[in-house]
Amino acid sequence: MQVADFNYELPAHLIAQEPLADRAASRLLHVDRTSDRTSGQVRDRWFREFPDLLRPDDLVVFNNTRVFPARLYGRRSGARAQPISPQNPAARDFLKGRVEVLLTRQVSQEPNEWECLVRPGRKIGLGERLFFGETGELQKDEPQKDELQAEVTARGSFGERRIRFTPIAGFFDHVERLGHVPLPPYINRADRSADRERYQTVYAQERGSVAAPTAGLHFTPEILANLRKRSIETVTITLHVGLGTFQPVRVDRVEDHKIHAESYCISAEAAAAINRALDARRRIVAVGTTTVRTLEHSARQSSDGRVRAGNGEADIFIYPGFPFRVLGAMLTNFHLPQSTLLMLVCAFGGKELILRAYRHAVEQSYRFYSYGDCMFLE
């Protein structure tokens, strides 16, 4: 299967650069599959109608991960300290010694080691020290007060590194203060303070993601209250979004792509509710591709296809031909061409139908990607 088969044309002006003032005001493309998966119906709706599309016995599963400001700007050892909050974090012309680090996954707490992406990737080698702090005029490789310091301990391809932070009290407090919201690269602006709330679901609880589970961004407290009013059962699981979700596909054949593992947790209560629904042949509605991956990965860890409670690492790669065991319907945003997320959606809906739905969304000027509109696929 060729990666190029999952391409589509998208005018740049349809890539949403800003969120809507009202989360629930987004548009929703309703895709109703048929048995042959090629002639399903596509309808234009509004997200406020989402509760009306659910069945009374549906079980809706949310990912309650919380995004943290995982993008850090700092300097390399030997570099004179400079202001580290650039006007445009996406700019590529770094000052001498400037580094950008995107924390993607905590490997261990003691010592405090992280997998990350760094820029400029080619220049940062093993053993190099990195400093993150307030503006200063340091002449030596000594951290300022309350500054974070890390050492590069392993090197991977495409800017991937492993770094170990020097022990410091209140590590995440420093990250929250110094870090930037890790907006995707297709949002061509600097992050703002408002993004800390808006690039976050209203039900986010468990810190650990470097990208939002964007299907959940459309929900408001009022929409959630509407679900409760209709007695629609809901549960939450956790998958911390990392490289496995947004890493580009750099191979020609889909089957050759290797996906990064992402940490997840399913509580005993959530697993019990999901398995009760499966036993009763009720529909499981997943909010977002991260929820889909967590459920399907967990179901494959048991011989009977039931969802297991516990913590784990999901490295499941879902593309057409995948036999779903849990998923009955899904809410999802629109995804980049030739991405693993688009492949997942095509696996569930059928490639021809999904690409036709995407063409319809382009023709109707839907807003795309993280701050864009959404699709309900059933």
Protein backbone atom coordinates (compact mmCIF):
# COMPACT_ATOMS: atom_id res chain seq x y z
CA MET A 1 0.00 0.00 0.00
CA GLN A 2 1.47 3.35 -1.06
CA VAL A 3 1.58 6.40 1.20
CA ALA A 4 0.86 8.55 -1.86
CA ASP A 5 -2.58 6.93 -2.09
CA PHE A 6 -3.62 8.98 0.96
CA ASN A 7 -3.00 12.38 -0.59
CA TYR A 8 -5.49 15.16 -1.25
CA GLU A 9 -5.33 18.81 -2.30
CA LEU A 10 -5.91 21.44 0.37
CA PRO A 11 -5.78 25.20 -0.27
CA ALA A 12 -3.63 26.87 2.38
CA HIS A 13 -6.34 29.34 3.35
CA LEU A 14 -8.47 26.47 4.73
CA ILE A 15 -5.90 25.64 7.43
CA ALA A 16 -7.35 27.19 10.58
CA GLN A 17 -4.91 29.57 12.23
CA GLU A 18 -7.19 30.63 15.08
CA PRO A 19 -9.81 28.83 17.15
CA LEU A 20 -13.44 29.90 16.98
CA ALA A 21 -14.63 32.06 19.86
CA ASP A 22 -17.33 29.47 20.56
CA ARG A 23 -15.99 25.90 20.61
CA ALA A 24 -19.36 24.41 19.67
CA ALA A 25 -19.83 26.72 16.66
CA SER A 26 -17.65 24.50 14.47
CA ARG A 27 -19.07 22.66 11.50
CA LEU A 28 -19.51 18.91 11.50
CA LEU A 29 -19.37 16.70 8.42
CA HIS A 30 -21.62 13.70 9.03
CA VAL A 31 -20.41 10.64 7.12
CA ASP A 32 -22.83 7.72 7.13
CA ARG A 33 -21.10 4.58 5.89
CA THR A 34 -22.79 1.89 3.81
CA SER A 35 -21.93 -1.76 3.45
CA ASP A 36 -19.77 -1.23 0.36
CA ARG A 37 -17.94 1.71 1.98
CA THR A 38 -17.86 3.68 -1.30
CA SER A 39 -21.27 5.34 -1.62
CA GLY A 40 -21.92 6.52 1.92
CA GLN A 41 -23.88 9.70 2.51
CA VAL A 42 -22.17 12.95 3.45
CA ARG A 43 -24.14 15.70 5.18
CA ASP A 44 -23.19 19.18 6.37
CA ARG A 45 -24.11 19.85 9.99
CA TRP A 46 -23.01 21.86 13.03
CA PHE A 47 -21.24 20.45 16.03
CA ARG A 48 -24.09 21.51 18.30
CA GLU A 49 -26.08 18.76 16.59
CA PHE A 50 -23.63 16.06 17.69
CA PRO A 51 -25.74 14.85 20.65
CA ASP A 52 -28.67 14.38 18.24
CA LEU A 53 -26.59 11.96 16.17
CA LEU A 54 -25.99 9.62 19.09
CA ARG A 55 -28.11 6.61 19.99
CA PRO A 56 -29.60 6.34 23.49
CA ASP A 57 -27.46 3.28 24.31
CA ASP A 58 -24.17 4.62 22.92
CA LEU A 59 -21.08 4.72 25.10
CA VAL A 60 -18.93 7.77 24.35
CA VAL A 61 -15.22 7.52 25.25
CA PHE A 62 -13.07 10.64 25.77
CA ASN A 63 -9.31 11.10 26.11
CA ASN A 64 -8.75 13.29 29.18
CA THR A 65 -5.05 13.98 28.59
CA ARG A 66 -3.83 17.50 29.27
CA VAL A 67 -1.39 19.41 27.06
CA PHE A 68 1.54 21.02 28.84
CA PRO A 69 3.80 23.80 27.47
CA ALA A 70 6.33 21.33 26.13
CA ARG A 71 8.27 23.63 23.79
CA LEU A 72 11.31 25.12 25.51
CA TYR A 73 13.67 27.75 24.11
CA GLY A 74 17.17 27.89 25.50
CA ARG A 75 20.84 27.91 24.67
CA ARG A 76 23.67 25.47 24.18
CA SER A 77 26.70 25.21 26.43
CA GLY A 78 29.23 27.89 25.66
CA ALA A 79 26.65 30.28 24.23
CA ARG A 80 26.08 33.72 25.70
CA ALA A 81 22.56 33.95 27.12
CA GLN A 82 20.03 35.77 24.92
CA PRO A 83 16.32 36.47 25.22
CA ILE A 84 14.62 33.09 24.84
CA SER A 85 11.03 34.06 24.00
CA PRO A 86 11.31 34.80 20.29
CA GLN A 87 8.60 36.83 18.62
CA ASN A 88 8.03 33.98 16.21
CA PRO A 89 8.80 30.55 17.69
CA ALA A 90 8.32 29.00 14.25
CA ALA A 91 11.12 31.10 12.77
CA ARG A 92 14.16 29.11 11.67
CA ASP A 93 16.85 31.77 11.92
CA PHE A 94 18.07 31.09 15.45
CA LEU A 95 20.52 33.39 17.16
CA LYS A 96 23.92 31.93 17.89
CA GLY A 97 23.62 29.17 20.46
CA ARG A 98 19.81 29.18 20.48
CA VAL A 99 18.04 25.82 20.73
CA GLU A 100 14.44 24.72 20.59
CA VAL A 101 13.45 21.56 22.44
CA LEU A 102 10.05 19.88 22.19
CA LEU A 103 9.59 17.42 25.05
CA THR A 104 7.64 14.48 23.61
CA ARG A 105 7.74 11.72 26.23
CA GLN A 106 9.03 11.29 29.75
CA VAL A 107 11.13 8.13 29.83
CA SER A 108 11.77 8.09 33.58
CA GLN A 109 11.19 10.32 36.58
CA GLU A 110 14.34 9.35 38.47
CA PRO A 111 16.51 10.36 36.72
CA ASN A 112 14.29 12.85 34.90
CA GLU A 113 14.83 11.75 31.30
CA TRP A 114 12.83 12.76 28.22
CA GLU A 115 12.59 11.92 24.57
CA CYS A 116 12.44 15.13 22.58
CA LEU A 117 12.90 16.86 19.24
CA VAL A 118 15.60 19.51 19.00
CA ARG A 119 16.51 22.29 16.58
CA PRO A 120 19.02 22.74 15.11
CA GLY A 121 19.16 18.95 15.12
CA ARG A 122 22.45 18.40 13.32
CA LYS A 123 24.52 20.51 15.67
CA ILE A 124 23.50 19.16 19.07
CA GLY A 125 25.61 16.16 20.02
CA LEU A 126 25.96 13.67 22.83
CA GLY A 127 27.06 15.12 26.15
CA GLU A 128 26.10 18.67 25.26
CA ARG A 129 24.45 20.73 27.97
CA LEU A 130 21.35 22.81 27.37
CA PHE A 131 20.04 25.69 29.48
CA PHE A 132 16.51 27.06 29.73
CA GLY A 133 15.72 30.15 31.75
CA GLU A 134 14.93 33.84 31.88
CA THR A 135 16.79 36.47 29.87
CA GLY A 136 20.28 36.99 31.19
CA GLU A 137 23.85 37.89 30.30
CA LEU A 138 25.66 34.78 31.47
CA GLN A 139 29.31 34.36 30.59
CA LYS A 140 29.69 30.84 32.04
CA ASP A 141 27.88 27.53 31.68
CA GLU A 142 26.14 27.98 35.02
CA PRO A 143 22.40 27.98 35.35
CA GLN A 144 20.58 31.06 36.51
CA LYS A 145 18.40 30.85 39.58
CA ASP A 146 15.42 28.60 38.79
CA GLU A 147 16.86 27.75 35.37
CA LEU A 148 16.46 24.26 33.93
CA GLN A 149 19.59 22.44 32.79
CA ALA A 150 19.80 19.22 30.77
CA GLU A 151 22.39 16.95 29.17
CA VAL A 152 21.97 15.14 25.86
CA THR A 153 22.27 11.41 26.60
CA ALA A 154 21.22 9.77 23.32
CA ARG A 155 20.84 10.76 19.69
CA GLY A 156 18.31 9.57 17.12
CA SER A 157 17.37 10.49 13.57
CA PHE A 158 15.38 13.50 12.35
CA GLY A 159 16.26 15.68 15.34
CA GLU A 160 15.31 13.12 17.99
CA ARG A 161 17.28 13.19 21.24
CA ARG A 162 17.09 11.92 24.80
CA ILE A 163 17.97 14.44 27.49
CA ARG A 164 18.41 14.20 31.26
CA PHE A 165 17.47 17.18 33.41
CA THR A 166 19.52 18.17 36.43
CA PRO A 167 17.41 17.50 39.56
CA ILE A 168 15.40 20.53 40.57
CA ALA A 169 12.47 21.02 42.90
CA GLY A 170 9.15 21.68 41.19
CA PHE A 171 10.30 20.63 37.72
CA PHE A 172 6.88 20.96 36.09
CA ASP A 173 6.34 24.33 37.73
CA HIS A 174 9.41 25.57 35.86
CA VAL A 175 8.21 23.99 32.63
CA GLU A 176 4.82 25.66 33.03
CA ARG A 177 6.52 29.01 33.55
CA LEU A 178 9.18 28.76 30.83
CA GLY A 179 7.49 26.59 28.25
CA HIS A 180 5.42 27.48 25.19
CA VAL A 181 2.23 25.83 23.96
CA PRO A 182 3.40 23.37 21.28
CA LEU A 183 1.15 24.58 18.47
CA PRO A 184 1.54 22.51 15.27
CA PRO A 185 3.89 23.88 12.59
CA TYR A 186 1.02 24.59 10.18
CA ILE A 187 -0.23 27.29 12.57
CA ASN A 188 1.92 30.14 11.33
CA ARG A 189 2.06 32.31 14.42
CA ALA A 190 3.57 32.40 17.86
CA ASP A 191 1.65 30.82 20.69
CA ARG A 192 -0.25 33.22 22.94
CA SER A 193 -1.43 33.03 26.52
CA ALA A 194 -4.98 32.31 25.27
CA ASP A 195 -3.72 29.09 23.63
CA ARG A 196 -2.99 27.61 27.05
CA GLU A 197 -6.72 27.36 27.60
CA ARG A 198 -7.99 27.05 24.03
CA TYR A 199 -5.55 24.35 22.86
CA GLN A 200 -7.00 22.17 25.60
CA THR A 201 -10.23 20.22 26.02
CA VAL A 202 -12.62 21.44 28.71
CA TYR A 203 -12.36 18.01 30.37
CA ALA A 204 -8.55 17.72 30.31
CA GLN A 205 -7.12 16.33 33.55
CA GLU A 206 -3.98 14.21 33.19
CA ARG A 207 -0.89 16.20 32.19
CA GLY A 208 1.35 14.64 29.56
CA SER A 209 0.48 15.52 25.95
CA VAL A 210 2.45 17.64 23.50
CA ALA A 211 -0.53 17.99 21.17
CA ALA A 212 -4.23 18.29 21.88
CA PRO A 213 -6.65 15.43 21.15
CA THR A 214 -8.31 17.86 18.77
CA ALA A 215 -11.67 16.13 18.30
CA GLY A 216 -12.38 17.03 21.90
CA LEU A 217 -11.75 20.75 21.43
CA HIS A 218 -15.32 21.26 20.17
CA PHE A 219 -16.99 20.20 23.41
CA THR A 220 -18.31 22.76 25.89
CA PRO A 221 -19.72 22.23 29.38
CA GLU A 222 -23.15 22.78 27.84
CA ILE A 223 -22.66 20.03 25.25
CA LEU A 224 -21.45 17.64 27.94
CA ALA A 225 -24.48 18.55 30.07
CA ASN A 226 -26.68 17.80 27.06
CA LEU A 227 -25.19 14.30 26.87
CA ARG A 228 -25.92 13.74 30.56
CA LYS A 229 -29.45 15.07 30.12
CA ARG A 230 -30.02 12.45 27.41
CA SER A 231 -28.60 9.76 29.75
CA ILE A 232 -25.84 8.93 27.26
CA GLU A 233 -23.10 7.08 29.11
CA THR A 234 -19.57 8.51 28.92
CA VAL A 235 -16.19 7.38 30.22
CA THR A 236 -12.66 8.77 30.04
CA ILE A 237 -9.36 7.09 29.29
CA THR A 238 -5.91 8.67 28.93
CA LEU A 239 -3.40 8.60 26.09
CA HIS A 240 -0.60 11.15 26.16
CA VAL A 241 -0.12 12.42 22.62
CA GLY A 242 3.48 12.25 21.47
CA LEU A 243 5.52 11.41 18.39
CA GLY A 244 3.37 8.40 17.59
CA THR A 245 0.46 10.64 16.67
CA PHE A 246 2.06 13.44 14.66
CA GLN A 247 5.38 12.14 13.32
CA PRO A 248 5.52 12.42 9.50
CA VAL A 249 5.55 9.27 7.38
CA ARG A 250 8.94 9.17 5.63
CA VAL A 251 8.60 5.90 3.70
CA ASP A 252 6.87 5.08 0.42
CA ARG A 253 5.07 1.94 1.58
CA VAL A 254 2.57 2.29 4.40
CA GLU A 255 3.58 -1.08 5.84
CA ASP A 256 7.18 0.11 6.31
CA HIS A 257 6.29 2.92 8.72
CA LYS A 258 7.09 2.38 12.40
CA ILE A 259 5.04 4.33 14.91
CA HIS A 260 6.36 5.63 18.23
CA ALA A 261 4.86 4.34 21.47
CA GLU A 262 2.63 6.60 23.53
CA SER A 263 1.72 6.14 27.21
CA TYR A 264 -1.86 5.36 28.13
CA CYS A 265 -3.97 4.49 31.16
CA ILE A 266 -7.40 2.83 31.33
CA SER A 267 -9.05 2.75 34.75
CA ALA A 268 -10.84 -0.31 36.04
CA GLU A 269 -14.11 1.62 35.97
CA ALA A 270 -13.64 2.67 32.33
CA ALA A 271 -12.65 -0.83 31.23
CA ALA A 272 -15.68 -2.33 32.98
CA ALA A 273 -18.05 0.15 31.30
CA ILE A 274 -16.52 -0.47 27.87
CA ASN A 275 -16.67 -4.24 28.25
CA ARG A 276 -20.29 -4.09 29.44
CA ALA A 277 -21.15 -2.14 26.31
CA LEU A 278 -19.29 -4.62 24.11
CA ASP A 279 -21.06 -7.56 25.76
CA ALA A 280 -24.42 -5.89 25.15
CA ARG A 281 -23.47 -5.08 21.54
CA ARG A 282 -23.86 -1.36 22.22
CA ARG A 283 -22.00 1.10 20.02
CA ILE A 284 -18.68 2.50 21.26
CA VAL A 285 -18.21 6.08 20.06
CA ALA A 286 -14.59 7.27 20.28
CA VAL A 287 -13.83 10.98 20.51
CA GLY A 288 -10.61 11.30 18.51
CA THR A 289 -8.05 9.04 16.90
CA THR A 290 -6.04 8.84 20.13
CA THR A 291 -9.03 7.26 21.84
CA VAL A 292 -9.40 4.81 18.95
CA ARG A 293 -5.75 3.77 19.16
CA THR A 294 -5.93 3.26 22.93
CA LEU A 295 -9.05 1.10 22.80
CA GLU A 296 -7.92 -1.02 19.88
CA HIS A 297 -4.42 -1.50 21.31
CA SER A 298 -5.83 -2.59 24.65
CA ALA A 299 -8.27 -5.02 23.03
CA ARG A 300 -5.35 -6.71 21.29
CA GLN A 301 -3.63 -7.40 24.58
CA SER A 302 -6.34 -9.92 25.53
CA SER A 303 -7.35 -13.16 23.87
CA ASP A 304 -11.08 -12.37 23.98
CA GLY A 305 -10.88 -8.83 22.53
CA ARG A 306 -11.97 -7.17 25.77
CA VAL A 307 -10.41 -3.94 26.95
CA ARG A 308 -7.92 -4.32 29.77
CA ALA A 309 -7.53 -1.91 32.66
CA GLY A 310 -4.05 -0.63 33.45
CA ASN A 311 -1.13 1.38 32.15
CA GLY A 312 0.77 0.65 28.98
CA GLU A 313 2.40 1.89 25.81
CA ALA A 314 0.38 1.97 22.60
CA ASP A 315 2.37 1.55 19.39
CA ILE A 316 -0.46 0.27 17.22
CA PHE A 317 -0.50 1.52 13.60
CA ILE A 318 -3.99 1.43 12.09
CA TYR A 319 -4.37 1.58 8.31
CA PRO A 320 -6.82 0.05 5.78
CA GLY A 321 -7.31 -3.65 6.29
CA PHE A 322 -7.24 -3.29 10.08
CA PRO A 323 -9.91 -5.41 11.87
CA PHE A 324 -11.55 -3.17 14.47
CA ARG A 325 -12.66 -4.92 17.65
CA VAL A 326 -14.07 -2.04 19.70
CA LEU A 327 -14.86 1.00 17.55
CA GLY A 328 -18.42 1.58 16.40
CA ALA A 329 -18.32 5.28 15.47
CA MET A 330 -15.85 8.13 15.81
CA LEU A 331 -15.63 11.90 16.02
CA THR A 332 -12.45 13.29 14.50
CA ASN A 333 -10.95 16.45 13.05
CA PHE A 334 -9.57 16.62 9.50
CA HIS A 335 -6.00 15.39 9.16
CA LEU A 336 -2.93 16.09 7.07
CA PRO A 337 -2.44 14.36 3.72
CA GLN A 338 -0.42 11.12 3.88
CA SER A 339 -0.56 11.09 7.68
CA THR A 340 -1.09 8.09 9.96
CA LEU A 341 -4.21 9.77 11.32
CA LEU A 342 -5.79 10.00 7.88
CA MET A 343 -4.87 6.35 7.32
CA LEU A 344 -6.64 5.42 10.55
CA VAL A 345 -9.81 7.22 9.49
CA CYS A 346 -9.64 5.54 6.07
CA ALA A 347 -9.27 2.17 7.77
CA PHE A 348 -12.60 2.70 9.51
CA GLY A 349 -14.55 4.50 6.80
CA GLY A 350 -12.96 3.18 3.62
CA LYS A 351 -10.39 5.16 1.65
CA GLU A 352 -12.67 6.08 -1.27
CA LEU A 353 -15.47 7.36 0.96
CA ILE A 354 -13.15 9.32 3.28
CA LEU A 355 -11.24 10.99 0.44
CA ARG A 356 -14.56 11.88 -1.17
CA ALA A 357 -15.69 13.39 2.12
CA TYR A 358 -12.45 15.38 2.31
CA ARG A 359 -13.00 16.71 -1.21
CA HIS A 360 -16.50 17.75 -0.18
CA ALA A 361 -15.11 19.50 2.90
CA VAL A 362 -12.64 21.42 0.71
CA GLU A 363 -15.38 22.42 -1.73
CA GLN A 364 -17.56 23.64 1.15
CA SER A 365 -14.67 25.56 2.75
CA TYR A 366 -14.49 23.63 5.99
CA ARG A 367 -11.71 24.70 8.35
CA PHE A 368 -8.95 22.07 8.62
CA TYR A 369 -6.64 20.62 11.26
CA SER A 370 -6.26 21.33 14.97
CA TYR A 371 -8.33 24.50 15.30
CA GLY A 372 -10.63 23.48 12.45
CA ASP A 373 -13.95 21.67 12.01
CA CYS A 374 -14.74 18.01 12.58
CA MET A 375 -16.27 14.85 11.11
CA PHE A 376 -18.59 12.26 12.65
CA LEU A 377 -18.14 8.88 11.03
CA GLU A 378 -20.62 6.10 11.72
